[in-house]
C-alpha atoms as a PDB file:
ATOM      1  CA  MET A   1      -8.519 -15.239 -27.060  1.00  0.00           C
ATOM      2  CA  ALA A   2      -6.488 -12.055 -27.446  1.00  0.00           C
ATOM      3  CA  PHE A   3      -7.180  -8.956 -25.390  1.00  0.00           C
ATOM      4  CA  SER A   4      -9.276  -6.500 -27.391  1.00  0.00           C
ATOM      5  CA  ASN A   5      -8.987  -2.774 -26.829  1.00  0.00           C
ATOM      6  CA  PRO A   6     -11.440  -0.667 -28.878  1.00  0.00           C
ATOM      7  CA  LEU A   7      -9.098   2.322 -28.777  1.00  0.00           C
ATOM      8  CA  MET A   8      -6.231   0.313 -30.258  1.00  0.00           C
ATOM      9  CA  GLU A   9      -8.513  -0.971 -33.002  1.00  0.00           C
ATOM     10  CA  LYS A  10      -9.105   2.656 -34.014  1.00  0.00           C
ATOM     11  CA  ASN A  11      -5.354   3.446 -33.922  1.00  0.00           C
ATOM     12  CA  ILE A  12      -5.788   5.532 -30.778  1.00  0.00           C
ATOM     13  CA  ILE A  13      -3.459   5.128 -27.809  1.00  0.00           C
ATOM     14  CA  GLU A  14      -4.333   6.210 -24.277  1.00  0.00           C
ATOM     15  CA  ILE A  15      -1.562   8.059 -22.452  1.00  0.00           C
ATOM     16  CA  ASP A  16      -1.789   8.795 -18.738  1.00  0.00           C
ATOM     17  CA  VAL A  17      -0.047  11.986 -17.655  1.00  0.00           C
ATOM     18  CA  ARG A  18       0.511  12.962 -14.039  1.00  0.00           C
ATOM     19  CA  VAL A  19       0.489  16.743 -13.686  1.00  0.00           C
ATOM     20  CA  VAL A  20       2.440  18.366 -10.882  1.00  0.00           C
ATOM     21  CA  LYS A  21       1.262  21.576  -9.255  1.00  0.00           C
ATOM     22  CA  VAL A  22       2.968  23.516  -6.505  1.00  0.00           C
ATOM     23  CA  VAL A  23       0.629  24.547  -3.693  1.00  0.00           C
ATOM     24  CA  THR A  24       1.686  27.018  -1.002  1.00  0.00           C
ATOM     25  CA  PHE A  25       0.269  26.757   2.506  1.00  0.00           C
ATOM     26  CA  LYS A  26       0.480  29.570   5.047  1.00  0.00           C
ATOM     27  CA  VAL A  27       0.627  28.333   8.633  1.00  0.00           C
ATOM     28  CA  PRO A  28       1.739  29.806  11.972  1.00  0.00           C
ATOM     29  CA  LYS A  29       5.502  29.411  12.454  1.00  0.00           C
ATOM     30  CA  ASP A  30       5.221  27.597  15.794  1.00  0.00           C
ATOM     31  CA  LEU A  31       2.769  25.062  14.312  1.00  0.00           C
ATOM     32  CA  TYR A  32       5.060  24.557  11.311  1.00  0.00           C
ATOM     33  CA  GLU A  33       8.082  23.932  13.522  1.00  0.00           C
ATOM     34  CA  GLU A  34       6.155  21.461  15.704  1.00  0.00           C
ATOM     35  CA  VAL A  35       4.834  19.510  12.704  1.00  0.00           C
ATOM     36  CA  GLU A  36       8.225  19.546  10.971  1.00  0.00           C
ATOM     37  CA  ARG A  37       9.879  18.064  14.074  1.00  0.00           C
ATOM     38  CA  ALA A  38       7.281  15.288  14.151  1.00  0.00           C
ATOM     39  CA  VAL A  39       7.660  14.638  10.420  1.00  0.00           C
ATOM     40  CA  MET A  40      11.457  14.448  10.696  1.00  0.00           C
ATOM     41  CA  GLU A  41      11.155  12.032  13.628  1.00  0.00           C
ATOM     42  CA  HIS A  42       9.331   9.683  11.243  1.00  0.00           C
ATOM     43  CA  GLY A  43      12.207   9.700   8.755  1.00  0.00           C
ATOM     44  CA  PHE A  44      11.125  12.386   6.314  1.00  0.00           C
ATOM     45  CA  TYR A  45      13.450  15.186   5.230  1.00  0.00           C
ATOM     46  CA  ASN A  46      10.804  17.908   5.644  1.00  0.00           C
ATOM     47  CA  ILE A  47       7.073  18.613   5.534  1.00  0.00           C
ATOM     48  CA  SER A  48       7.047  19.006   1.733  1.00  0.00           C
ATOM     49  CA  GLU A  49       8.520  15.519   1.274  1.00  0.00           C
ATOM     50  CA  PHE A  50       5.934  14.103   3.683  1.00  0.00           C
ATOM     51  CA  ILE A  51       2.999  15.738   1.858  1.00  0.00           C
ATOM     52  CA  LYS A  52       4.344  14.682  -1.556  1.00  0.00           C
ATOM     53  CA  ARG A  53       4.717  11.061  -0.449  1.00  0.00           C
ATOM     54  CA  ALA A  54       1.245  11.065   1.139  1.00  0.00           C
ATOM     55  CA  LEU A  55      -0.316  12.415  -2.064  1.00  0.00           C
ATOM     56  CA  ASP A  56       1.611   9.910  -4.212  1.00  0.00           C
ATOM     57  CA  GLU A  57       0.368   7.053  -2.025  1.00  0.00           C
ATOM     58  CA  TYR A  58      -3.202   8.370  -2.192  1.00  0.00           C
ATOM     59  CA  ILE A  59      -3.065   8.628  -6.006  1.00  0.00           C
ATOM     60  CA  ASN A  60      -1.620   5.105  -6.218  1.00  0.00           C
ATOM     61  CA  TYR A  61      -4.436   3.867  -3.961  1.00  0.00           C
ATOM     62  CA  LEU A  62      -7.037   5.476  -6.224  1.00  0.00           C
ATOM     63  CA  GLU A  63      -5.398   4.063  -9.351  1.00  0.00           C
ATOM     64  CA  ASN A  64      -5.256   0.568  -7.854  1.00  0.00           C
ATOM     65  CA  SER A  65      -8.892   0.855  -6.754  1.00  0.00           C
ATOM     66  CA  ASN A  66      -9.983   1.703 -10.311  1.00  0.00           C
ATOM     67  CA  LEU A  67     -11.009   5.159  -9.125  1.00  0.00           C
ATOM     68  CA  THR A  68     -10.003   8.277 -11.011  1.00  0.00           C
ATOM     69  CA  PRO A  69      -8.576  11.102  -8.855  1.00  0.00           C
ATOM     70  CA  LYS A  70     -10.148  14.477  -9.509  1.00  0.00           C
ATOM     71  CA  LEU A  71      -7.175  16.840  -9.670  1.00  0.00           C
END
């Protein structure tokens, strides 16, 4: 039996689009420097890379769990 998709039968195609938004955080400089040191010790280039990777992994988790992230 072939897979049946009601949207395809109506000539409609679903397209998933991941939207990127830049968010700016304001934190005390000494806290930033302490966290950045810790992040770099774990192999990340900087805090932004760490946050981006964490969010990507969270979104992938939600997608694989059949949950829809509310962005």
